Amino acid sequence: MRFTERTYRNKVLNHSLISYQVKVRETDLFISSDSDFRQAARQSVHRYRGYLESYIKSHPDFLTSLIPLKIDDLAPDIVRDMMKVSQAAGVGPMAAVAGALAEYVGQDLLKLTPNVIVENGGDIFLKSKDEINIGIFAGDSSFSEKLALKIRPEEMPIGICTSSGTVGHSLSFGKADAVCVKAKSVSLADAAATAIGNMVKSRKDIYQALQTGIKIEEVLGIAIIVDDQFGAIGDVELAD
């Protein structure tokens, strides 16, 4: 796996919105909204990271487990959400952390403005009155940045999350250049993208991964890119 600088951020999002970056330790968000809510977003990140860090101190297996854990009814909402979606996808709860942070920060910002897009390492929370096209970055694949998912206003808020076995620093046991998952829950989309990505060892696995992945409850659509092969299933609309 190789790391690629996030230059794709320059090609994403709605030009009618104001875009800004919010970084808190490992968390690196790229946000677009009607006004600059950088301070509110930073406070939101600190709050949810605090919940996660405190829980991990007393429950270290939450950080390291690669399999689902029993849901802790006394845990903070974001922790319980990650546990729930990890059970649905069959992965460890931290597989949902980027999507969960994007979603919880995005929902907080929606209290201040009607249009919010939060991107966290390829995992995106979307709520906009306008149609949005989300380009798919897939490393060295010939499809990279040549395909985009069309997201219509009536579908939002919604999550689009991407997992890769060849690009970035996230843990994946597969070899897909990109696995994109669409779901109403961003944390679920994140966990599902990881689970589906783990199934793809070569282009021959695309079909079976699509068929298996779409059975994950609440997954709406999936797109997979491996080298020069592309496959999709469910509610996936490509931009013209």
C-alpha atoms as a PDB file:
ATOM      1  CA  MET A   1       0.000   0.000   0.000  1.00  0.00           C
ATOM      2  CA  ARG A   2       1.287   3.483  -0.770  1.00  0.00           C
ATOM      3  CA  PHE A   3       0.289   6.838   0.671  1.00  0.00           C
ATOM      4  CA  THR A   4      -1.044   9.493  -1.705  1.00  0.00           C
ATOM      5  CA  GLU A   5      -1.312  13.139  -0.749  1.00  0.00           C
ATOM      6  CA  ARG A   6      -4.916  14.334  -0.656  1.00  0.00           C
ATOM      7  CA  THR A   7      -4.724  16.492  -3.801  1.00  0.00           C
ATOM      8  CA  TYR A   8      -8.085  14.993  -4.864  1.00  0.00           C
ATOM      9  CA  ARG A   9      -9.673  17.392  -2.392  1.00  0.00           C
ATOM     10  CA  ASN A  10      -9.019  20.184  -4.885  1.00  0.00           C
ATOM     11  CA  LYS A  11     -11.350  18.488  -7.379  1.00  0.00           C
ATOM     12  CA  VAL A  12     -14.258  17.703  -5.084  1.00  0.00           C
ATOM     13  CA  LEU A  13     -17.258  19.511  -3.714  1.00  0.00           C
ATOM     14  CA  ASN A  14     -19.583  22.364  -4.514  1.00  0.00           C
ATOM     15  CA  HIS A  15     -17.996  25.619  -5.686  1.00  0.00           C
ATOM     16  CA  SER A  16     -20.864  27.663  -4.210  1.00  0.00           C
ATOM     17  CA  LEU A  17     -19.776  26.655  -0.695  1.00  0.00           C
ATOM     18  CA  ILE A  18     -16.846  27.804   1.408  1.00  0.00           C
ATOM     19  CA  SER A  19     -14.222  25.099   1.972  1.00  0.00           C
ATOM     20  CA  TYR A  20     -11.770  24.801   4.854  1.00  0.00           C
ATOM     21  CA  GLN A  21      -9.626  22.247   6.650  1.00  0.00           C
ATOM     22  CA  VAL A  22      -9.894  21.208  10.293  1.00  0.00           C
ATOM     23  CA  LYS A  23      -7.070  19.121  11.780  1.00  0.00           C
ATOM     24  CA  VAL A  24      -6.975  17.705  15.285  1.00  0.00           C
ATOM     25  CA  ARG A  25      -4.139  15.223  15.740  1.00  0.00           C
ATOM     26  CA  GLU A  26      -4.863  12.278  13.400  1.00  0.00           C
ATOM     27  CA  THR A  27      -8.227  13.683  12.345  1.00  0.00           C
ATOM     28  CA  ASP A  28      -8.006  15.706   9.121  1.00  0.00           C
ATOM     29  CA  LEU A  29     -11.356  16.989   7.835  1.00  0.00           C
ATOM     30  CA  PHE A  30     -12.060  18.917   4.645  1.00  0.00           C
ATOM     31  CA  ILE A  31     -15.364  20.728   5.100  1.00  0.00           C
ATOM     32  CA  SER A  32     -17.577  22.749   2.781  1.00  0.00           C
ATOM     33  CA  SER A  33     -20.520  24.767   4.096  1.00  0.00           C
ATOM     34  CA  ASP A  34     -22.408  28.010   3.499  1.00  0.00           C
ATOM     35  CA  SER A  35     -20.115  29.912   5.883  1.00  0.00           C
ATOM     36  CA  ASP A  36     -16.820  29.211   7.620  1.00  0.00           C
ATOM     37  CA  PHE A  37     -17.740  27.163  10.696  1.00  0.00           C
ATOM     38  CA  ARG A  38     -14.167  26.114  11.386  1.00  0.00           C
ATOM     39  CA  GLN A  39     -14.353  26.882  15.101  1.00  0.00           C
ATOM     40  CA  ALA A  40     -17.595  24.960  15.607  1.00  0.00           C
ATOM     41  CA  ALA A  41     -16.227  22.031  13.625  1.00  0.00           C
ATOM     42  CA  ARG A  42     -13.035  21.967  15.676  1.00  0.00           C
ATOM     43  CA  GLN A  43     -15.034  21.948  18.916  1.00  0.00           C
ATOM     44  CA  SER A  44     -17.135  19.092  17.545  1.00  0.00           C
ATOM     45  CA  VAL A  45     -14.048  17.072  16.599  1.00  0.00           C
ATOM     46  CA  HIS A  46     -12.536  17.576  20.055  1.00  0.00           C
ATOM     47  CA  ARG A  47     -15.779  16.445  21.707  1.00  0.00           C
ATOM     48  CA  TYR A  48     -16.139  13.215  19.730  1.00  0.00           C
ATOM     49  CA  ARG A  49     -12.440  12.405  19.846  1.00  0.00           C
ATOM     50  CA  GLY A  50     -12.680  12.889  23.605  1.00  0.00           C
ATOM     51  CA  TYR A  51     -15.483  10.345  23.835  1.00  0.00           C
ATOM     52  CA  LEU A  52     -13.500   7.849  21.758  1.00  0.00           C
ATOM     53  CA  GLU A  53     -10.191   8.362  23.543  1.00  0.00           C
ATOM     54  CA  SER A  54     -11.770   8.065  26.982  1.00  0.00           C
ATOM     55  CA  TYR A  55     -13.590   4.882  26.017  1.00  0.00           C
ATOM     56  CA  ILE A  56     -10.429   3.340  24.528  1.00  0.00           C
ATOM     57  CA  LYS A  57      -8.501   4.007  27.767  1.00  0.00           C
ATOM     58  CA  SER A  58     -10.875   1.788  29.696  1.00  0.00           C
ATOM     59  CA  HIS A  59     -11.660  -0.594  26.810  1.00  0.00           C
ATOM     60  CA  PRO A  60      -8.421  -1.032  24.780  1.00  0.00           C
ATOM     61  CA  ASP A  61      -9.909  -3.869  22.724  1.00  0.00           C
ATOM     62  CA  PHE A  62     -12.162  -1.275  21.051  1.00  0.00           C
ATOM     63  CA  LEU A  63      -9.022   0.108  19.380  1.00  0.00           C
ATOM     64  CA  THR A  64      -7.403  -3.174  18.358  1.00  0.00           C
ATOM     65  CA  SER A  65     -10.192  -5.656  17.650  1.00  0.00           C
ATOM     66  CA  LEU A  66     -10.580  -6.757  14.023  1.00  0.00           C
ATOM     67  CA  ILE A  67     -13.900  -8.433  14.788  1.00  0.00           C
ATOM     68  CA  PRO A  68     -17.160  -6.974  16.161  1.00  0.00           C
ATOM     69  CA  LEU A  69     -17.502  -6.391  19.886  1.00  0.00           C
ATOM     70  CA  LYS A  70     -20.600  -6.701  22.046  1.00  0.00           C
ATOM     71  CA  ILE A  71     -22.512  -3.430  22.088  1.00  0.00           C
ATOM     72  CA  ASP A  72     -21.981  -1.494  25.304  1.00  0.00           C
ATOM     73  CA  ASP A  73     -25.269   0.203  26.175  1.00  0.00           C
ATOM     74  CA  LEU A  74     -23.460   2.577  28.553  1.00  0.00           C
ATOM     75  CA  ALA A  75     -20.963   3.812  25.954  1.00  0.00           C
ATOM     76  CA  PRO A  76     -21.228   7.240  24.260  1.00  0.00           C
ATOM     77  CA  ASP A  77     -23.454   7.425  21.180  1.00  0.00           C
ATOM     78  CA  ILE A  78     -20.564   7.502  18.703  1.00  0.00           C
ATOM     79  CA  VAL A  79     -19.002   4.404  20.302  1.00  0.00           C
ATOM     80  CA  ARG A  80     -22.291   2.479  20.265  1.00  0.00           C
ATOM     81  CA  ASP A  81     -22.855   3.491  16.652  1.00  0.00           C
ATOM     82  CA  MET A  82     -19.433   2.158  15.633  1.00  0.00           C
ATOM     83  CA  MET A  83     -20.115  -1.095  17.496  1.00  0.00           C
ATOM     84  CA  LYS A  84     -23.500  -1.501  15.819  1.00  0.00           C
ATOM     85  CA  VAL A  85     -22.264  -0.963  12.257  1.00  0.00           C
ATOM     86  CA  SER A  86     -19.202  -3.134  12.821  1.00  0.00           C
ATOM     87  CA  GLN A  87     -21.538  -5.985  13.737  1.00  0.00           C
ATOM     88  CA  ALA A  88     -23.521  -5.425  10.544  1.00  0.00           C
ATOM     89  CA  ALA A  89     -20.359  -5.474   8.412  1.00  0.00           C
ATOM     90  CA  GLY A  90     -18.417  -8.107  10.357  1.00  0.00           C
ATOM     91  CA  VAL A  91     -15.341  -5.980  11.064  1.00  0.00           C
ATOM     92  CA  GLY A  92     -13.760  -4.302  14.085  1.00  0.00           C
ATOM     93  CA  PRO A  93     -15.375  -1.092  15.365  1.00  0.00           C
ATOM     94  CA  MET A  94     -12.445   1.152  14.419  1.00  0.00           C
ATOM     95  CA  ALA A  95     -13.176   0.344  10.759  1.00  0.00           C
ATOM     96  CA  ALA A  96     -15.970   2.907  11.113  1.00  0.00           C
ATOM     97  CA  VAL A  97     -14.067   5.669  12.907  1.00  0.00           C
ATOM     98  CA  ALA A  98     -13.445   8.011   9.949  1.00  0.00           C
ATOM     99  CA  GLY A  99     -17.023   7.758   8.733  1.00  0.00           C
ATOM    100  CA  ALA A 100     -18.414   8.172  12.240  1.00  0.00           C
ATOM    101  CA  LEU A 101     -16.421  11.355  12.866  1.00  0.00           C
ATOM    102  CA  ALA A 102     -17.453  12.785   9.480  1.00  0.00           C
ATOM    103  CA  GLU A 103     -21.088  12.001  10.231  1.00  0.00           C
ATOM    104  CA  TYR A 104     -21.220  13.306  13.794  1.00  0.00           C
ATOM    105  CA  VAL A 105     -19.381  16.517  12.930  1.00  0.00           C
ATOM    106  CA  GLY A 106     -21.588  16.942   9.859  1.00  0.00           C
ATOM    107  CA  GLN A 107     -24.766  16.520  11.894  1.00  0.00           C
ATOM    108  CA  ASP A 108     -23.527  19.104  14.392  1.00  0.00           C
ATOM    109  CA  LEU A 109     -22.850  21.595  11.609  1.00  0.00           C
ATOM    110  CA  LEU A 110     -26.308  21.015  10.128  1.00  0.00           C
ATOM    111  CA  LYS A 111     -27.668  22.764  13.216  1.00  0.00           C
ATOM    112  CA  LEU A 112     -25.911  25.913  11.962  1.00  0.00           C
ATOM    113  CA  THR A 113     -26.300  25.696   8.186  1.00  0.00           C
ATOM    114  CA  PRO A 114     -28.390  23.707   5.652  1.00  0.00           C
ATOM    115  CA  ASN A 115     -25.497  22.715   3.371  1.00  0.00           C
ATOM    116  CA  VAL A 116     -22.619  20.683   4.772  1.00  0.00           C
ATOM    117  CA  ILE A 117     -20.070  18.347   3.204  1.00  0.00           C
ATOM    118  CA  VAL A 118     -17.486  16.714   5.473  1.00  0.00           C
ATOM    119  CA  GLU A 119     -14.720  14.577   3.987  1.00  0.00           C
ATOM    120  CA  ASN A 120     -12.475  12.521   6.250  1.00  0.00           C
ATOM    121  CA  GLY A 121      -9.866  10.505   4.367  1.00  0.00           C
ATOM    122  CA  GLY A 122     -12.217   9.516   1.551  1.00  0.00           C
ATOM    123  CA  ASP A 123     -15.274   9.069   3.784  1.00  0.00           C
ATOM    124  CA  ILE A 124     -17.899  11.726   3.116  1.00  0.00           C
ATOM    125  CA  PHE A 125     -21.006  13.077   4.832  1.00  0.00           C
ATOM    126  CA  LEU A 126     -23.200  14.921   2.318  1.00  0.00           C
ATOM    127  CA  LYS A 127     -26.121  17.292   2.763  1.00  0.00           C
ATOM    128  CA  SER A 128     -26.756  19.838   0.020  1.00  0.00           C
ATOM    129  CA  LYS A 129     -29.668  21.447  -1.789  1.00  0.00           C
ATOM    130  CA  ASP A 130     -27.717  20.951  -5.021  1.00  0.00           C
ATOM    131  CA  GLU A 131     -26.735  17.846  -6.942  1.00  0.00           C
ATOM    132  CA  ILE A 132     -23.186  16.716  -6.100  1.00  0.00           C
ATOM    133  CA  ASN A 133     -20.760  14.628  -8.131  1.00  0.00           C
ATOM    134  CA  ILE A 134     -18.190  12.686  -6.105  1.00  0.00           C
ATOM    135  CA  GLY A 135     -15.113  11.681  -8.078  1.00  0.00           C
ATOM    136  CA  ILE A 136     -13.566   8.280  -7.351  1.00  0.00           C
ATOM    137  CA  PHE A 137      -9.827   8.334  -6.692  1.00  0.00           C
ATOM    138  CA  ALA A 138      -8.389   4.877  -7.406  1.00  0.00           C
ATOM    139  CA  GLY A 139      -4.622   5.263  -7.425  1.00  0.00           C
ATOM    140  CA  ASP A 140      -2.964   4.077 -10.631  1.00  0.00           C
ATOM    141  CA  SER A 141      -6.121   2.555 -12.120  1.00  0.00           C
ATOM    142  CA  SER A 142      -7.124   3.886 -15.542  1.00  0.00           C
ATOM    143  CA  PHE A 143     -10.505   4.704 -13.976  1.00  0.00           C
ATOM    144  CA  SER A 144      -9.011   6.927 -11.292  1.00  0.00           C
ATOM    145  CA  GLU A 145     -10.731  10.358 -11.229  1.00  0.00           C
ATOM    146  CA  LYS A 146     -12.549   9.502 -14.484  1.00  0.00           C
ATOM    147  CA  LEU A 147     -15.687   8.172 -12.797  1.00  0.00           C
ATOM    148  CA  ALA A 148     -17.951  10.107 -10.457  1.00  0.00           C
ATOM    149  CA  LEU A 149     -21.023   9.185  -8.434  1.00  0.00           C
ATOM    150  CA  LYS A 150     -24.026  11.470  -8.908  1.00  0.00           C
ATOM    151  CA  ILE A 151     -25.809  12.266  -5.656  1.00  0.00           C
ATOM    152  CA  ARG A 152     -29.175  13.988  -5.919  1.00  0.00           C
ATOM    153  CA  PRO A 153     -30.509  16.413  -3.279  1.00  0.00           C
ATOM    154  CA  GLU A 154     -33.459  14.188  -2.360  1.00  0.00           C
ATOM    155  CA  GLU A 155     -31.031  11.399  -1.341  1.00  0.00           C
ATOM    156  CA  MET A 156     -29.241  13.503   1.262  1.00  0.00           C
ATOM    157  CA  PRO A 157     -28.070  13.431   3.980  1.00  0.00           C
ATOM    158  CA  ILE A 158     -26.074  10.415   2.892  1.00  0.00           C
ATOM    159  CA  GLY A 159     -22.675   8.810   3.252  1.00  0.00           C
ATOM    160  CA  ILE A 160     -20.198   7.848   0.543  1.00  0.00           C
ATOM    161  CA  CYS A 161     -17.156   5.980   1.855  1.00  0.00           C
ATOM    162  CA  THR A 162     -14.132   4.568   0.063  1.00  0.00           C
ATOM    163  CA  SER A 163     -11.702   1.845   1.089  1.00  0.00           C
ATOM    164  CA  SER A 164      -8.537   0.953  -0.806  1.00  0.00           C
ATOM    165  CA  GLY A 165      -5.926  -1.762  -0.553  1.00  0.00           C
ATOM    166  CA  THR A 166      -3.460   0.167  -2.718  1.00  0.00           C
ATOM    167  CA  VAL A 167      -3.886   3.820  -1.678  1.00  0.00           C
ATOM    168  CA  GLY A 168      -3.736   5.512   1.716  1.00  0.00           C
ATOM    169  CA  HIS A 169      -2.908   4.397   5.254  1.00  0.00           C
ATOM    170  CA  SER A 170      -6.110   2.629   6.347  1.00  0.00           C
ATOM    171  CA  LEU A 171      -5.920  -1.074   7.134  1.00  0.00           C
ATOM    172  CA  SER A 172      -7.204  -3.316   4.337  1.00  0.00           C
ATOM    173  CA  PHE A 173      -6.552  -6.984   3.630  1.00  0.00           C
ATOM    174  CA  GLY A 174      -7.640  -6.657   0.010  1.00  0.00           C
ATOM    175  CA  LYS A 175      -6.127  -5.374  -3.230  1.00  0.00           C
ATOM    176  CA  ALA A 176      -8.920  -3.185  -4.627  1.00  0.00           C
ATOM    177  CA  ASP A 177      -7.918   0.250  -5.889  1.00  0.00           C
ATOM    178  CA  ALA A 178     -11.258   1.584  -4.642  1.00  0.00           C
ATOM    179  CA  VAL A 179     -14.376   0.207  -2.994  1.00  0.00           C
ATOM    180  CA  CYS A 180     -17.072   2.885  -2.687  1.00  0.00           C
ATOM    181  CA  VAL A 181     -20.142   2.269  -0.563  1.00  0.00           C
ATOM    182  CA  LYS A 182     -23.285   4.387  -0.397  1.00  0.00           C
ATOM    183  CA  ALA A 183     -25.497   4.305   2.702  1.00  0.00           C
ATOM    184  CA  LYS A 184     -27.609   6.655   4.771  1.00  0.00           C
ATOM    185  CA  SER A 185     -25.260   6.044   7.703  1.00  0.00           C
ATOM    186  CA  VAL A 186     -21.708   7.229   7.031  1.00  0.00           C
ATOM    187  CA  SER A 187     -20.296   5.009   9.760  1.00  0.00           C
ATOM    188  CA  LEU A 188     -22.018   1.981   8.214  1.00  0.00           C
ATOM    189  CA  ALA A 189     -20.729   2.895   4.750  1.00  0.00           C
ATOM    190  CA  ASP A 190     -17.210   3.107   6.193  1.00  0.00           C
ATOM    191  CA  ALA A 191     -17.378  -0.261   7.950  1.00  0.00           C
ATOM    192  CA  ALA A 192     -18.971  -1.912   4.902  1.00  0.00           C
ATOM    193  CA  ALA A 193     -16.342  -0.474   2.549  1.00  0.00           C
ATOM    194  CA  THR A 194     -13.640  -2.044   4.723  1.00  0.00           C
ATOM    195  CA  ALA A 195     -15.415  -5.394   4.842  1.00  0.00           C
ATOM    196  CA  ILE A 196     -16.037  -5.479   1.091  1.00  0.00           C
ATOM    197  CA  GLY A 197     -12.519  -4.303   0.337  1.00  0.00           C
ATOM    198  CA  ASN A 198     -11.130  -7.197   2.365  1.00  0.00           C
ATOM    199  CA  MET A 199     -12.908  -9.607  -0.010  1.00  0.00           C
ATOM    200  CA  VAL A 200     -11.193  -8.293  -3.143  1.00  0.00           C
ATOM    201  CA  LYS A 201      -7.819  -9.934  -3.742  1.00  0.00           C
ATOM    202  CA  SER A 202      -7.941  -9.560  -7.544  1.00  0.00           C
ATOM    203  CA  ARG A 203     -10.271  -8.426 -10.341  1.00  0.00           C
ATOM    204  CA  LYS A 204     -11.823 -11.898 -10.311  1.00  0.00           C
ATOM    205  CA  ASP A 205     -13.332 -11.155  -6.908  1.00  0.00           C
ATOM    206  CA  ILE A 206     -15.324  -8.085  -7.978  1.00  0.00           C
ATOM    207  CA  TYR A 207     -18.551  -9.906  -8.813  1.00  0.00           C
ATOM    208  CA  GLN A 208     -18.699 -11.955  -5.620  1.00  0.00           C
ATOM    209  CA  ALA A 209     -17.741  -8.978  -3.451  1.00  0.00           C
ATOM    210  CA  LEU A 210     -20.585  -6.951  -4.960  1.00  0.00           C
ATOM    211  CA  GLN A 211     -23.085  -9.766  -4.434  1.00  0.00           C
ATOM    212  CA  THR A 212     -21.995 -10.305  -0.838  1.00  0.00           C
ATOM    213  CA  GLY A 213     -21.613  -6.638   0.064  1.00  0.00           C
ATOM    214  CA  ILE A 214     -25.062  -5.568  -1.096  1.00  0.00           C
ATOM    215  CA  LYS A 215     -26.533  -8.015   1.447  1.00  0.00           C
ATOM    216  CA  ILE A 216     -25.124  -5.942   4.314  1.00  0.00           C
ATOM    217  CA  GLU A 217     -28.180  -4.336   5.877  1.00  0.00           C
ATOM    218  CA  GLU A 218     -28.697  -0.676   4.892  1.00  0.00           C
ATOM    219  CA  VAL A 219     -26.032  -0.663   2.161  1.00  0.00           C
ATOM    220  CA  LEU A 220     -27.622   1.106  -0.824  1.00  0.00           C
ATOM    221  CA  GLY A 221     -24.978   0.750  -3.507  1.00  0.00           C
ATOM    222  CA  ILE A 222     -21.396  -0.345  -4.165  1.00  0.00           C
ATOM    223  CA  ALA A 223     -18.779   0.450  -6.804  1.00  0.00           C
ATOM    224  CA  ILE A 224     -15.463  -1.433  -7.060  1.00  0.00           C
ATOM    225  CA  ILE A 225     -12.365  -0.649  -9.117  1.00  0.00           C
ATOM    226  CA  VAL A 226      -9.477  -3.083  -9.542  1.00  0.00           C
ATOM    227  CA  ASP A 227      -6.855  -2.180 -12.164  1.00  0.00           C
ATOM    228  CA  ASP A 228      -8.818  -1.711 -15.408  1.00  0.00           C
ATOM    229  CA  GLN A 229     -11.992  -3.408 -14.174  1.00  0.00           C
ATOM    230  CA  PHE A 230     -15.065  -1.663 -12.762  1.00  0.00           C
ATOM    231  CA  GLY A 231     -18.220  -3.130 -11.254  1.00  0.00           C
ATOM    232  CA  ALA A 232     -21.250  -1.703  -9.473  1.00  0.00           C
ATOM    233  CA  ILE A 233     -24.455  -2.897  -7.854  1.00  0.00           C
ATOM    234  CA  GLY A 234     -27.492  -1.285  -6.243  1.00  0.00           C
ATOM    235  CA  ASP A 235     -28.240   2.414  -6.189  1.00  0.00           C
ATOM    236  CA  VAL A 236     -25.186   3.697  -8.055  1.00  0.00           C
ATOM    237  CA  GLU A 237     -25.649   6.494 -10.586  1.00  0.00           C
ATOM    238  CA  LEU A 238     -22.610   7.671 -12.526  1.00  0.00           C
ATOM    239  CA  ALA A 239     -22.274  11.301 -13.537  1.00  0.00           C
ATOM    240  CA  ASP A 240     -22.337  12.086 -17.254  1.00  0.00           C
END
